[in-house]
Amino acid sequence: SNTYMKNAIAPDLFVGLENKTKHWTLGVGADLKTIKPEPLNDATI
């Protein structure tokens, strides 16, 4: 369900770097997401 992220309010955040030449594509990225599994419980992950 997408309600776990909706209940946590905060969006999934991503940042990445990519270097692309004629023959090579190299990249790295990092992603952080927060969800709230139970709507009546304050615990998030």
PDB file of all heavy atoms in Angstrom:
ATOM      1  N   SER A   1       0.839  -1.204   0.000  1.00  0.00           N
ATOM      2  CA  SER A   1       0.000   0.000   0.000  1.00  0.00           C
ATOM      3  C   SER A   1       0.873   1.252   0.000  1.00  0.00           C
ATOM      4  O   SER A   1       1.934   1.286   0.627  1.00  0.00           O
ATOM      5  CB  SER A   1      -0.917   0.010   1.222  1.00  0.00           C
ATOM      6  OG  SER A   1      -1.642   1.217   1.303  1.00  0.00           O
ATOM      7  N   ASN A   2       0.390   2.293  -0.696  1.00  0.00           N
ATOM      8  CA  ASN A   2       1.096   3.576  -0.668  1.00  0.00           C
ATOM      9  C   ASN A   2       0.681   4.433   0.529  1.00  0.00           C
ATOM     10  O   ASN A   2       1.216   5.527   0.726  1.00  0.00           O
ATOM     11  CB  ASN A   2       0.862   4.349  -1.966  1.00  0.00           C
ATOM     12  CG  ASN A   2      -0.590   4.764  -2.149  1.00  0.00           C
ATOM     13  OD1 ASN A   2      -1.490   4.300  -1.440  1.00  0.00           O
ATOM     14  ND2 ASN A   2      -0.843   5.628  -3.103  1.00  0.00           N
ATOM     15  N   THR A   3      -0.265   3.940   1.352  1.00  0.00           N
ATOM     16  CA  THR A   3      -0.722   4.734   2.498  1.00  0.00           C
ATOM     17  C   THR A   3       0.362   4.872   3.565  1.00  0.00           C
ATOM     18  O   THR A   3       0.344   5.843   4.334  1.00  0.00           O
ATOM     19  CB  THR A   3      -1.973   4.110   3.144  1.00  0.00           C
ATOM     20  OG1 THR A   3      -1.667   2.767   3.572  1.00  0.00           O
ATOM     21  CG2 THR A   3      -3.129   4.067   2.160  1.00  0.00           C
ATOM     22  N   TYR A   4       1.318   3.945   3.622  1.00  0.00           N
ATOM     23  CA  TYR A   4       2.369   4.034   4.632  1.00  0.00           C
ATOM     24  C   TYR A   4       3.226   5.289   4.413  1.00  0.00           C
ATOM     25  O   TYR A   4       3.596   5.963   5.377  1.00  0.00           O
ATOM     26  CB  TYR A   4       3.255   2.790   4.599  1.00  0.00           C
ATOM     27  CG  TYR A   4       2.499   1.490   4.617  1.00  0.00           C
ATOM     28  CD1 TYR A   4       2.776   0.484   3.704  1.00  0.00           C
ATOM     29  CD2 TYR A   4       1.480   1.248   5.545  1.00  0.00           C
ATOM     30  CE1 TYR A   4       2.088  -0.715   3.704  1.00  0.00           C
ATOM     31  CE2 TYR A   4       0.780   0.061   5.555  1.00  0.00           C
ATOM     32  CZ  TYR A   4       1.087  -0.922   4.620  1.00  0.00           C
ATOM     33  OH  TYR A   4       0.392  -2.100   4.623  1.00  0.00           O
ATOM     34  N   MET A   5       3.528   5.609   3.170  1.00  0.00           N
ATOM     35  CA  MET A   5       4.297   6.828   2.888  1.00  0.00           C
ATOM     36  C   MET A   5       3.415   8.057   3.017  1.00  0.00           C
ATOM     37  O   MET A   5       3.863   9.110   3.488  1.00  0.00           O
ATOM     38  CB  MET A   5       4.929   6.764   1.498  1.00  0.00           C
ATOM     39  CG  MET A   5       5.768   7.992   1.164  1.00  0.00           C
ATOM     40  SD  MET A   5       6.800   7.814  -0.304  1.00  0.00           S
ATOM     41  CE  MET A   5       8.113   6.778   0.364  1.00  0.00           C
ATOM     42  N   LYS A   6       2.146   7.944   2.615  1.00  0.00           N
ATOM     43  CA  LYS A   6       1.222   9.075   2.764  1.00  0.00           C
ATOM     44  C   LYS A   6       1.087   9.461   4.231  1.00  0.00           C
ATOM     45  O   LYS A   6       1.083  10.651   4.587  1.00  0.00           O
ATOM     46  CB  LYS A   6      -0.143   8.711   2.190  1.00  0.00           C
ATOM     47  CG  LYS A   6      -0.172   8.622   0.671  1.00  0.00           C
ATOM     48  CD  LYS A   6      -1.429   7.950   0.163  1.00  0.00           C
ATOM     49  CE  LYS A   6      -2.670   8.746   0.447  1.00  0.00           C
ATOM     50  NZ  LYS A   6      -3.875   8.100  -0.146  1.00  0.00           N
ATOM     51  N   ASN A   7       1.012   8.450   5.100  1.00  0.00           N
ATOM     52  CA  ASN A   7       0.871   8.723   6.529  1.00  0.00           C
ATOM     53  C   ASN A   7       2.136   9.325   7.134  1.00  0.00           C
ATOM     54  O   ASN A   7       2.086  10.030   8.151  1.00  0.00           O
ATOM     55  CB  ASN A   7       0.513   7.448   7.285  1.00  0.00           C
ATOM     56  CG  ASN A   7      -0.872   6.948   6.944  1.00  0.00           C
ATOM     57  OD1 ASN A   7      -1.735   7.715   6.521  1.00  0.00           O
ATOM     58  ND2 ASN A   7      -1.100   5.649   7.105  1.00  0.00           N
ATOM     59  N   ALA A   8       3.276   9.041   6.533  1.00  0.00           N
ATOM     60  CA  ALA A   8       4.543   9.585   7.034  1.00  0.00           C
ATOM     61  C   ALA A   8       4.780  11.014   6.554  1.00  0.00           C
ATOM     62  O   ALA A   8       5.708  11.690   7.030  1.00  0.00           O
ATOM     63  CB  ALA A   8       5.702   8.696   6.607  1.00  0.00           C
ATOM     64  N   ILE A   9       4.000  11.483   5.606  1.00  0.00           N
ATOM     65  CA  ILE A   9       4.054  12.842   5.063  1.00  0.00           C
ATOM     66  C   ILE A   9       5.279  13.069   4.177  1.00  0.00           C
ATOM     67  O   ILE A   9       5.180  13.536   3.048  1.00  0.00           O
ATOM     68  CB  ILE A   9       4.018  13.921   6.178  1.00  0.00           C
ATOM     69  CG1 ILE A   9       2.829  13.680   7.117  1.00  0.00           C
ATOM     70  CG2 ILE A   9       3.949  15.324   5.557  1.00  0.00           C
ATOM     71  CD1 ILE A   9       1.488  13.750   6.478  1.00  0.00           C
ATOM     72  N   ALA A  10       6.466  12.752   4.667  1.00  0.00           N
ATOM     73  CA  ALA A  10       7.707  13.063   3.955  1.00  0.00           C
ATOM     74  C   ALA A  10       7.836  12.259   2.667  1.00  0.00           C
ATOM     75  O   ALA A  10       7.514  11.071   2.634  1.00  0.00           O
ATOM     76  CB  ALA A  10       8.906  12.792   4.858  1.00  0.00           C
ATOM     77  N   PRO A  11       8.336  12.878   1.591  1.00  0.00           N
ATOM     78  CA  PRO A  11       8.533  12.143   0.336  1.00  0.00           C
ATOM     79  C   PRO A  11       9.811  11.309   0.364  1.00  0.00           C
ATOM     80  O   PRO A  11      10.681  11.476   1.229  1.00  0.00           O
ATOM     81  CB  PRO A  11       8.648  13.267  -0.698  1.00  0.00           C
ATOM     82  CG  PRO A  11       9.267  14.398   0.068  1.00  0.00           C
ATOM     83  CD  PRO A  11       8.681  14.308   1.460  1.00  0.00           C
ATOM     84  N   ASP A  12       9.912  10.421  -0.580  1.00  0.00           N
ATOM     85  CA  ASP A  12      11.131   9.677  -0.860  1.00  0.00           C
ATOM     86  C   ASP A  12      12.106  10.648  -1.538  1.00  0.00           C
ATOM     87  O   ASP A  12      11.747  11.321  -2.503  1.00  0.00           O
ATOM     88  CB  ASP A  12      10.770   8.506  -1.785  1.00  0.00           C
ATOM     89  CG  ASP A  12      11.950   7.673  -2.233  1.00  0.00           C
ATOM     90  OD1 ASP A  12      13.093   8.013  -1.888  1.00  0.00           O
ATOM     91  OD2 ASP A  12      11.726   6.681  -2.950  1.00  0.00           O
ATOM     92  N   LEU A  13      13.350  10.727  -1.055  1.00  0.00           N
ATOM     93  CA  LEU A  13      14.323  11.680  -1.579  1.00  0.00           C
ATOM     94  C   LEU A  13      15.489  10.955  -2.237  1.00  0.00           C
ATOM     95  O   LEU A  13      16.023   9.985  -1.681  1.00  0.00           O
ATOM     96  CB  LEU A  13      14.847  12.581  -0.454  1.00  0.00           C
ATOM     97  CG  LEU A  13      13.799  13.431   0.272  1.00  0.00           C
ATOM     98  CD1 LEU A  13      14.433  14.159   1.445  1.00  0.00           C
ATOM     99  CD2 LEU A  13      13.134  14.416  -0.687  1.00  0.00           C
ATOM    100  N   PHE A  14      15.890  11.448  -3.413  1.00  0.00           N
ATOM    101  CA  PHE A  14      16.986  10.827  -4.166  1.00  0.00           C
ATOM    102  C   PHE A  14      17.955  11.888  -4.637  1.00  0.00           C
ATOM    103  O   PHE A  14      17.558  12.997  -5.025  1.00  0.00           O
ATOM    104  CB  PHE A  14      16.439  10.073  -5.386  1.00  0.00           C
ATOM    105  CG  PHE A  14      17.521   9.535  -6.298  1.00  0.00           C
ATOM    106  CD1 PHE A  14      18.051   8.268  -6.092  1.00  0.00           C
ATOM    107  CD2 PHE A  14      18.019  10.306  -7.348  1.00  0.00           C
ATOM    108  CE1 PHE A  14      19.056   7.774  -6.917  1.00  0.00           C
ATOM    109  CE2 PHE A  14      19.023   9.812  -8.174  1.00  0.00           C
ATOM    110  CZ  PHE A  14      19.539   8.545  -7.948  1.00  0.00           C
ATOM    111  N   VAL A  15      19.250  11.553  -4.660  1.00  0.00           N
ATOM    112  CA  VAL A  15      20.267  12.399  -5.275  1.00  0.00           C
ATOM    113  C   VAL A  15      21.288  11.494  -5.950  1.00  0.00           C
ATOM    114  O   VAL A  15      21.636  10.428  -5.416  1.00  0.00           O
ATOM    115  CB  VAL A  15      20.949  13.321  -4.240  1.00  0.00           C
ATOM    116  CG1 VAL A  15      21.676  12.520  -3.171  1.00  0.00           C
ATOM    117  CG2 VAL A  15      21.888  14.305  -4.920  1.00  0.00           C
ATOM    118  N   GLY A  16      21.738  11.875  -7.155  1.00  0.00           N
ATOM    119  CA  GLY A  16      22.673  11.021  -7.877  1.00  0.00           C
ATOM    120  C   GLY A  16      23.556  11.810  -8.830  1.00  0.00           C
ATOM    121  O   GLY A  16      23.217  12.924  -9.259  1.00  0.00           O
ATOM    122  N   LEU A  17      24.713  11.242  -9.160  1.00  0.00           N
ATOM    123  CA  LEU A  17      25.660  11.807 -10.124  1.00  0.00           C
ATOM    124  C   LEU A  17      25.865  10.812 -11.256  1.00  0.00           C
ATOM    125  O   LEU A  17      25.960   9.606 -11.018  1.00  0.00           O
ATOM    126  CB  LEU A  17      27.005  12.104  -9.466  1.00  0.00           C
ATOM    127  CG  LEU A  17      27.141  13.380  -8.629  1.00  0.00           C
ATOM    128  CD1 LEU A  17      28.452  13.353  -7.868  1.00  0.00           C
ATOM    129  CD2 LEU A  17      27.049  14.623  -9.508  1.00  0.00           C
ATOM    130  N   GLU A  18      25.948  11.321 -12.485  1.00  0.00           N
ATOM    131  CA  GLU A  18      26.204  10.450 -13.640  1.00  0.00           C
ATOM    132  C   GLU A  18      27.184  11.122 -14.586  1.00  0.00           C
ATOM    133  O   GLU A  18      27.057  12.318 -14.886  1.00  0.00           O
ATOM    134  CB  GLU A  18      24.907  10.133 -14.376  1.00  0.00           C
ATOM    135  CG  GLU A  18      25.097   9.183 -15.560  1.00  0.00           C
ATOM    136  CD  GLU A  18      23.790   8.750 -16.179  1.00  0.00           C
ATOM    137  OE1 GLU A  18      23.133   7.842 -15.625  1.00  0.00           O
ATOM    138  OE2 GLU A  18      23.412   9.319 -17.229  1.00  0.00           O
ATOM    139  N   ASN A  19      28.160  10.346 -15.040  1.00  0.00           N
ATOM    140  CA  ASN A  19      29.140  10.822 -16.017  1.00  0.00           C
ATOM    141  C   ASN A  19      28.998   9.971 -17.284  1.00  0.00           C
ATOM    142  O   ASN A  19      29.120   8.744 -17.237  1.00  0.00           O
ATOM    143  CB  ASN A  19      30.554  10.698 -15.459  1.00  0.00           C
ATOM    144  CG  ASN A  19      31.566  11.454 -16.314  1.00  0.00           C
ATOM    145  OD1 ASN A  19      31.591  12.681 -16.325  1.00  0.00           O
ATOM    146  ND2 ASN A  19      32.395  10.728 -17.038  1.00  0.00           N
ATOM    147  N   LYS A  20      28.730  10.632 -18.411  1.00  0.00           N
ATOM    148  CA  LYS A  20      28.458   9.924 -19.656  1.00  0.00           C
ATOM    149  C   LYS A  20      29.349  10.432 -20.769  1.00  0.00           C
ATOM    150  O   LYS A  20      29.353  11.630 -21.086  1.00  0.00           O
ATOM    151  CB  LYS A  20      26.980  10.080 -20.039  1.00  0.00           C
ATOM    152  CG  LYS A  20      26.557   9.206 -21.202  1.00  0.00           C
ATOM    153  CD  LYS A  20      25.057   9.240 -21.396  1.00  0.00           C
ATOM    154  CE  LYS A  20      24.613   8.290 -22.490  1.00  0.00           C
ATOM    155  NZ  LYS A  20      23.141   8.289 -22.647  1.00  0.00           N
ATOM    156  N   THR A  21      30.128   9.513 -21.363  1.00  0.00           N
ATOM    157  CA  THR A  21      30.978   9.823 -22.500  1.00  0.00           C
ATOM    158  C   THR A  21      30.520   8.993 -23.698  1.00  0.00           C
ATOM    159  O   THR A  21      29.471   8.337 -23.643  1.00  0.00           O
ATOM    160  CB  THR A  21      32.450   9.528 -22.169  1.00  0.00           C
ATOM    161  OG1 THR A  21      32.584   8.129 -21.866  1.00  0.00           O
ATOM    162  CG2 THR A  21      32.909  10.339 -20.963  1.00  0.00           C
ATOM    163  N   LYS A  22      31.329   8.984 -24.762  1.00  0.00           N
ATOM    164  CA  LYS A  22      30.937   8.267 -25.975  1.00  0.00           C
ATOM    165  C   LYS A  22      30.698   6.785 -25.715  1.00  0.00           C
ATOM    166  O   LYS A  22      29.720   6.205 -26.198  1.00  0.00           O
ATOM    167  CB  LYS A  22      32.022   8.446 -27.041  1.00  0.00           C
ATOM    168  CG  LYS A  22      31.702   7.743 -28.358  1.00  0.00           C
ATOM    169  CD  LYS A  22      32.811   7.943 -29.377  1.00  0.00           C
ATOM    170  CE  LYS A  22      32.489   7.207 -30.679  1.00  0.00           C
ATOM    171  NZ  LYS A  22      33.570   7.385 -31.694  1.00  0.00           N
ATOM    172  N   HIS A  23      31.573   6.175 -24.936  1.00  0.00           N
ATOM    173  CA  HIS A  23      31.479   4.733 -24.713  1.00  0.00           C
ATOM    174  C   HIS A  23      31.048   4.360 -23.291  1.00  0.00           C
ATOM    175  O   HIS A  23      30.512   3.270 -23.079  1.00  0.00           O
ATOM    176  CB  HIS A  23      32.819   4.058 -25.010  1.00  0.00           C
ATOM    177  CG  HIS A  23      33.246   4.167 -26.441  1.00  0.00           C
ATOM    178  ND1 HIS A  23      32.537   3.620 -27.486  1.00  0.00           N
ATOM    179  CD2 HIS A  23      34.326   4.782 -27.008  1.00  0.00           C
ATOM    180  CE1 HIS A  23      33.144   3.867 -28.623  1.00  0.00           C
ATOM    181  NE2 HIS A  23      34.230   4.576 -28.369  1.00  0.00           N
ATOM    182  N   TRP A  24      31.286   5.238 -22.331  1.00  0.00           N
ATOM    183  CA  TRP A  24      31.077   4.892 -20.922  1.00  0.00           C
ATOM    184  C   TRP A  24      29.952   5.697 -20.280  1.00  0.00           C
ATOM    185  O   TRP A  24      29.792   6.888 -20.552  1.00  0.00           O
ATOM    186  CB  TRP A  24      32.353   5.128 -20.114  1.00  0.00           C
ATOM    187  CG  TRP A  24      33.410   4.096 -20.306  1.00  0.00           C
ATOM    188  CD1 TRP A  24      34.474   4.152 -21.159  1.00  0.00           C
ATOM    189  CD2 TRP A  24      33.493   2.827 -19.634  1.00  0.00           C
ATOM    190  NE1 TRP A  24      35.229   3.012 -21.068  1.00  0.00           N
ATOM    191  CE2 TRP A  24      34.660   2.175 -20.138  1.00  0.00           C
ATOM    192  CE3 TRP A  24      32.724   2.180 -18.674  1.00  0.00           C
ATOM    193  CZ2 TRP A  24      35.057   0.921 -19.697  1.00  0.00           C
ATOM    194  CZ3 TRP A  24      33.117   0.928 -18.242  1.00  0.00           C
ATOM    195  CH2 TRP A  24      34.264   0.310 -18.745  1.00  0.00           C
ATOM    196  N   THR A  25      29.176   5.018 -19.422  1.00  0.00           N
ATOM    197  CA  THR A  25      28.227   5.669 -18.521  1.00  0.00           C
ATOM    198  C   THR A  25      28.517   5.164 -17.116  1.00  0.00           C
ATOM    199  O   THR A  25      28.468   3.952 -16.867  1.00  0.00           O
ATOM    200  CB  THR A  25      26.772   5.352 -18.881  1.00  0.00           C
ATOM    201  OG1 THR A  25      26.511   5.784 -20.217  1.00  0.00           O
ATOM    202  CG2 THR A  25      25.816   6.049 -17.931  1.00  0.00           C
ATOM    203  N   LEU A  26      28.841   6.079 -16.206  1.00  0.00           N
ATOM    204  CA  LEU A  26      29.154   5.739 -14.814  1.00  0.00           C
ATOM    205  C   LEU A  26      28.274   6.569 -13.900  1.00  0.00           C
ATOM    206  O   LEU A  26      28.092   7.774 -14.133  1.00  0.00           O
ATOM    207  CB  LEU A  26      30.628   6.008 -14.494  1.00  0.00           C
ATOM    208  CG  LEU A  26      31.676   5.309 -15.377  1.00  0.00           C
ATOM    209  CD1 LEU A  26      33.058   5.847 -15.070  1.00  0.00           C
ATOM    210  CD2 LEU A  26      31.623   3.806 -15.159  1.00  0.00           C
ATOM    211  N   GLY A  27      27.711   5.945 -12.850  1.00  0.00           N
ATOM    212  CA  GLY A  27      26.833   6.705 -11.976  1.00  0.00           C
ATOM    213  C   GLY A  27      26.733   6.138 -10.582  1.00  0.00           C
ATOM    214  O   GLY A  27      27.002   4.949 -10.350  1.00  0.00           O
ATOM    215  N   VAL A  28      26.351   6.996  -9.641  1.00  0.00           N
ATOM    216  CA  VAL A  28      26.066   6.610  -8.257  1.00  0.00           C
ATOM    217  C   VAL A  28      24.821   7.366  -7.809  1.00  0.00           C
ATOM    218  O   VAL A  28      24.508   8.443  -8.318  1.00  0.00           O
ATOM    219  CB  VAL A  28      27.244   6.924  -7.303  1.00  0.00           C
ATOM    220  CG1 VAL A  28      28.450   6.059  -7.616  1.00  0.00           C
ATOM    221  CG2 VAL A  28      27.614   8.408  -7.364  1.00  0.00           C
ATOM    222  N   GLY A  29      24.102   6.792  -6.851  1.00  0.00           N
ATOM    223  CA  GLY A  29      22.911   7.458  -6.335  1.00  0.00           C
ATOM    224  C   GLY A  29      22.585   6.988  -4.936  1.00  0.00           C
ATOM    225  O   GLY A  29      22.993   5.897  -4.524  1.00  0.00           O
ATOM    226  N   ALA A  30      21.873   7.823  -4.197  1.00  0.00           N
ATOM    227  CA  ALA A  30      21.437   7.487  -2.839  1.00  0.00           C
ATOM    228  C   ALA A  30      19.983   7.884  -2.674  1.00  0.00           C
ATOM    229  O   ALA A  30      19.524   8.888  -3.232  1.00  0.00           O
ATOM    230  CB  ALA A  30      22.303   8.197  -1.803  1.00  0.00           C
ATOM    231  N   ASP A  31      19.247   7.080  -1.899  1.00  0.00           N
ATOM    232  CA  ASP A  31      17.800   7.272  -1.756  1.00  0.00           C
ATOM    233  C   ASP A  31      17.411   7.104  -0.298  1.00  0.00           C
ATOM    234  O   ASP A  31      17.889   6.196   0.390  1.00  0.00           O
ATOM    235  CB  ASP A  31      17.058   6.243  -2.619  1.00  0.00           C
ATOM    236  CG  ASP A  31      15.566   6.462  -2.634  1.00  0.00           C
ATOM    237  OD1 ASP A  31      15.115   7.350  -3.370  1.00  0.00           O
ATOM    238  OD2 ASP A  31      14.851   5.754  -1.912  1.00  0.00           O
ATOM    239  N   LEU A  32      16.551   7.978   0.201  1.00  0.00           N
ATOM    240  CA  LEU A  32      16.072   7.915   1.586  1.00  0.00           C
ATOM    241  C   LEU A  32      14.557   8.026   1.598  1.00  0.00           C
ATOM    242  O   LEU A  32      13.988   8.987   1.079  1.00  0.00           O
ATOM    243  CB  LEU A  32      16.678   9.049   2.420  1.00  0.00           C
ATOM    244  CG  LEU A  32      16.187   9.147   3.872  1.00  0.00           C
ATOM    245  CD1 LEU A  32      16.644   7.940   4.685  1.00  0.00           C
ATOM    246  CD2 LEU A  32      16.673  10.441   4.514  1.00  0.00           C
ATOM    247  N   LYS A  33      13.893   7.014   2.183  1.00  0.00           N
ATOM    248  CA  LYS A  33      12.436   7.078   2.291  1.00  0.00           C
ATOM    249  C   LYS A  33      12.004   6.760   3.716  1.00  0.00           C
ATOM    250  O   LYS A  33      12.682   6.032   4.445  1.00  0.00           O
ATOM    251  CB  LYS A  33      11.763   6.125   1.301  1.00  0.00           C
ATOM    252  CG  LYS A  33      11.935   4.648   1.582  1.00  0.00           C
ATOM    253  CD  LYS A  33      11.062   3.835   0.639  1.00  0.00           C
ATOM    254  CE  LYS A  33      11.260   2.338   0.861  1.00  0.00           C
ATOM    255  NZ  LYS A  33      12.499   1.828   0.289  1.00  0.00           N
ATOM    256  N   THR A  34      10.876   7.311   4.109  1.00  0.00           N
ATOM    257  CA  THR A  34      10.314   7.115   5.443  1.00  0.00           C
ATOM    258  C   THR A  34       8.851   6.715   5.306  1.00  0.00           C
ATOM    259  O   THR A  34       8.112   7.325   4.541  1.00  0.00           O
ATOM    260  CB  THR A  34      10.421   8.398   6.282  1.00  0.00           C
ATOM    261  OG1 THR A  34      11.796   8.770   6.409  1.00  0.00           O
ATOM    262  CG2 THR A  34       9.838   8.187   7.678  1.00  0.00           C
ATOM    263  N   ILE A  35       8.449   5.691   6.038  1.00  0.00           N
ATOM    264  CA  ILE A  35       7.057   5.262   6.021  1.00  0.00           C
ATOM    265  C   ILE A  35       6.540   5.130   7.461  1.00  0.00           C
ATOM    266  O   ILE A  35       7.319   4.976   8.400  1.00  0.00           O
ATOM    267  CB  ILE A  35       6.863   3.931   5.270  1.00  0.00           C
ATOM    268  CG1 ILE A  35       7.662   2.810   5.943  1.00  0.00           C
ATOM    269  CG2 ILE A  35       7.239   4.073   3.809  1.00  0.00           C
ATOM    270  CD1 ILE A  35       7.390   1.426   5.346  1.00  0.00           C
ATOM    271  N   LYS A  36       5.224   5.200   7.574  1.00  0.00           N
ATOM    272  CA  LYS A  36       4.544   5.031   8.862  1.00  0.00           C
ATOM    273  C   LYS A  36       3.561   3.868   8.693  1.00  0.00           C
ATOM    274  O   LYS A  36       2.451   4.047   8.198  1.00  0.00           O
ATOM    275  CB  LYS A  36       3.816   6.316   9.246  1.00  0.00           C
ATOM    276  CG  LYS A  36       3.166   6.305  10.620  1.00  0.00           C
ATOM    277  CD  LYS A  36       2.494   7.646  10.887  1.00  0.00           C
ATOM    278  CE  LYS A  36       1.842   7.680  12.262  1.00  0.00           C
ATOM    279  NZ  LYS A  36       1.148   8.968  12.516  1.00  0.00           N
ATOM    280  N   PRO A  37       3.950   2.657   9.117  1.00  0.00           N
ATOM    281  CA  PRO A  37       3.138   1.465   8.816  1.00  0.00           C
ATOM    282  C   PRO A  37       1.748   1.453   9.439  1.00  0.00           C
ATOM    283  O   PRO A  37       0.820   0.910   8.842  1.00  0.00           O
ATOM    284  CB  PRO A  37       3.989   0.314   9.353  1.00  0.00           C
ATOM    285  CG  PRO A  37       5.389   0.847   9.326  1.00  0.00           C
ATOM    286  CD  PRO A  37       5.252   2.295   9.681  1.00  0.00           C
ATOM    287  N   GLU A  38       1.590   2.020  10.643  1.00  0.00           N
ATOM    288  CA  GLU A  38       0.284   2.006  11.304  1.00  0.00           C
ATOM    289  C   GLU A  38      -0.171   3.444  11.557  1.00  0.00           C
ATOM    290  O   GLU A  38       0.506   4.193  12.254  1.00  0.00           O
ATOM    291  CB  GLU A  38       0.359   1.224  12.611  1.00  0.00           C
ATOM    292  CG  GLU A  38       0.723  -0.247  12.397  1.00  0.00           C
ATOM    293  CD  GLU A  38       0.707  -1.040  13.684  1.00  0.00           C
ATOM    294  OE1 GLU A  38       0.231  -0.513  14.704  1.00  0.00           O
ATOM    295  OE2 GLU A  38       1.174  -2.197  13.671  1.00  0.00           O
ATOM    296  N   PRO A  39      -1.317   3.845  10.994  1.00  0.00           N
ATOM    297  CA  PRO A  39      -1.731   5.259  11.045  1.00  0.00           C
ATOM    298  C   PRO A  39      -1.939   5.807  12.455  1.00  0.00           C
ATOM    299  O   PRO A  39      -1.729   6.994  12.682  1.00  0.00           O
ATOM    300  CB  PRO A  39      -3.044   5.269  10.245  1.00  0.00           C
ATOM    301  CG  PRO A  39      -3.525   3.856  10.271  1.00  0.00           C
ATOM    302  CD  PRO A  39      -2.296   3.007  10.277  1.00  0.00           C
ATOM    303  N   LEU A  40      -2.352   4.966  13.411  1.00  0.00           N
ATOM    304  CA  LEU A  40      -2.614   5.439  14.769  1.00  0.00           C
ATOM    305  C   LEU A  40      -1.419   5.228  15.692  1.00  0.00           C
ATOM    306  O   LEU A  40      -1.545   5.336  16.908  1.00  0.00           O
ATOM    307  CB  LEU A  40      -3.850   4.736  15.337  1.00  0.00           C
ATOM    308  CG  LEU A  40      -5.147   4.934  14.537  1.00  0.00           C
ATOM    309  CD1 LEU A  40      -6.300   4.204  15.202  1.00  0.00           C
ATOM    310  CD2 LEU A  40      -5.474   6.426  14.398  1.00  0.00           C
ATOM    311  N   ASN A  41      -0.284   4.933  15.090  1.00  0.00           N
ATOM    312  CA  ASN A  41       0.938   4.709  15.864  1.00  0.00           C
ATOM    313  C   ASN A  41       1.997   5.675  15.352  1.00  0.00           C
ATOM    314  O   ASN A  41       2.171   5.856  14.147  1.00  0.00           O
ATOM    315  CB  ASN A  41       1.401   3.254  15.664  1.00  0.00           C
ATOM    316  CG  ASN A  41       2.492   2.867  16.630  1.00  0.00           C
ATOM    317  OD1 ASN A  41       3.356   3.662  16.961  1.00  0.00           O
ATOM    318  ND2 ASN A  41       2.462   1.634  17.086  1.00  0.00           N
ATOM    319  N   ASP A  42       2.732   6.305  16.260  1.00  0.00           N
ATOM    320  CA  ASP A  42       3.725   7.298  15.854  1.00  0.00           C
ATOM    321  C   ASP A  42       5.012   6.696  15.310  1.00  0.00           C
ATOM    322  O   ASP A  42       5.857   7.421  14.775  1.00  0.00           O
ATOM    323  CB  ASP A  42       4.073   8.209  17.045  1.00  0.00           C
ATOM    324  CG  ASP A  42       2.913   9.110  17.443  1.00  0.00           C
ATOM    325  OD1 ASP A  42       2.079   9.407  16.559  1.00  0.00           O
ATOM    326  OD2 ASP A  42       2.833   9.505  18.622  1.00  0.00           O
ATOM    327  N   ALA A  43       5.203   5.385  15.437  1.00  0.00           N
ATOM    328  CA  ALA A  43       6.453   4.765  15.005  1.00  0.00           C
ATOM    329  C   ALA A  43       6.599   4.818  13.479  1.00  0.00           C
ATOM    330  O   ALA A  43       5.688   4.450  12.742  1.00  0.00           O
ATOM    331  CB  ALA A  43       6.515   3.316  15.475  1.00  0.00           C
ATOM    332  N   THR A  44       7.749   5.304  13.018  1.00  0.00           N
ATOM    333  CA  THR A  44       8.080   5.335  11.601  1.00  0.00           C
ATOM    334  C   THR A  44       9.390   4.576  11.375  1.00  0.00           C
ATOM    335  O   THR A  44      10.093   4.242  12.330  1.00  0.00           O
ATOM    336  CB  THR A  44       8.238   6.769  11.087  1.00  0.00           C
ATOM    337  OG1 THR A  44       9.329   7.405  11.789  1.00  0.00           O
ATOM    338  CG2 THR A  44       6.964   7.578  11.309  1.00  0.00           C
ATOM    339  N   ILE A  45       9.701   4.317  10.127  1.00  0.00           N
ATOM    340  CA  ILE A  45      10.988   3.704   9.796  1.00  0.00           C
ATOM    341  C   ILE A  45      11.545   4.385   8.554  1.00  0.00           C
ATOM    342  O   ILE A  45      10.837   4.573   7.557  1.00  0.00           O
ATOM    343  CB  ILE A  45      10.877   2.185   9.586  1.00  0.00           C
ATOM    344  CG1 ILE A  45      12.257   1.611   9.223  1.00  0.00           C
ATOM    345  CG2 ILE A  45       9.819   1.807   8.564  1.00  0.00           C
ATOM    346  CD1 ILE A  45      12.341   0.119   9.264  1.00  0.00           C
TER     347      ILE A  45
END
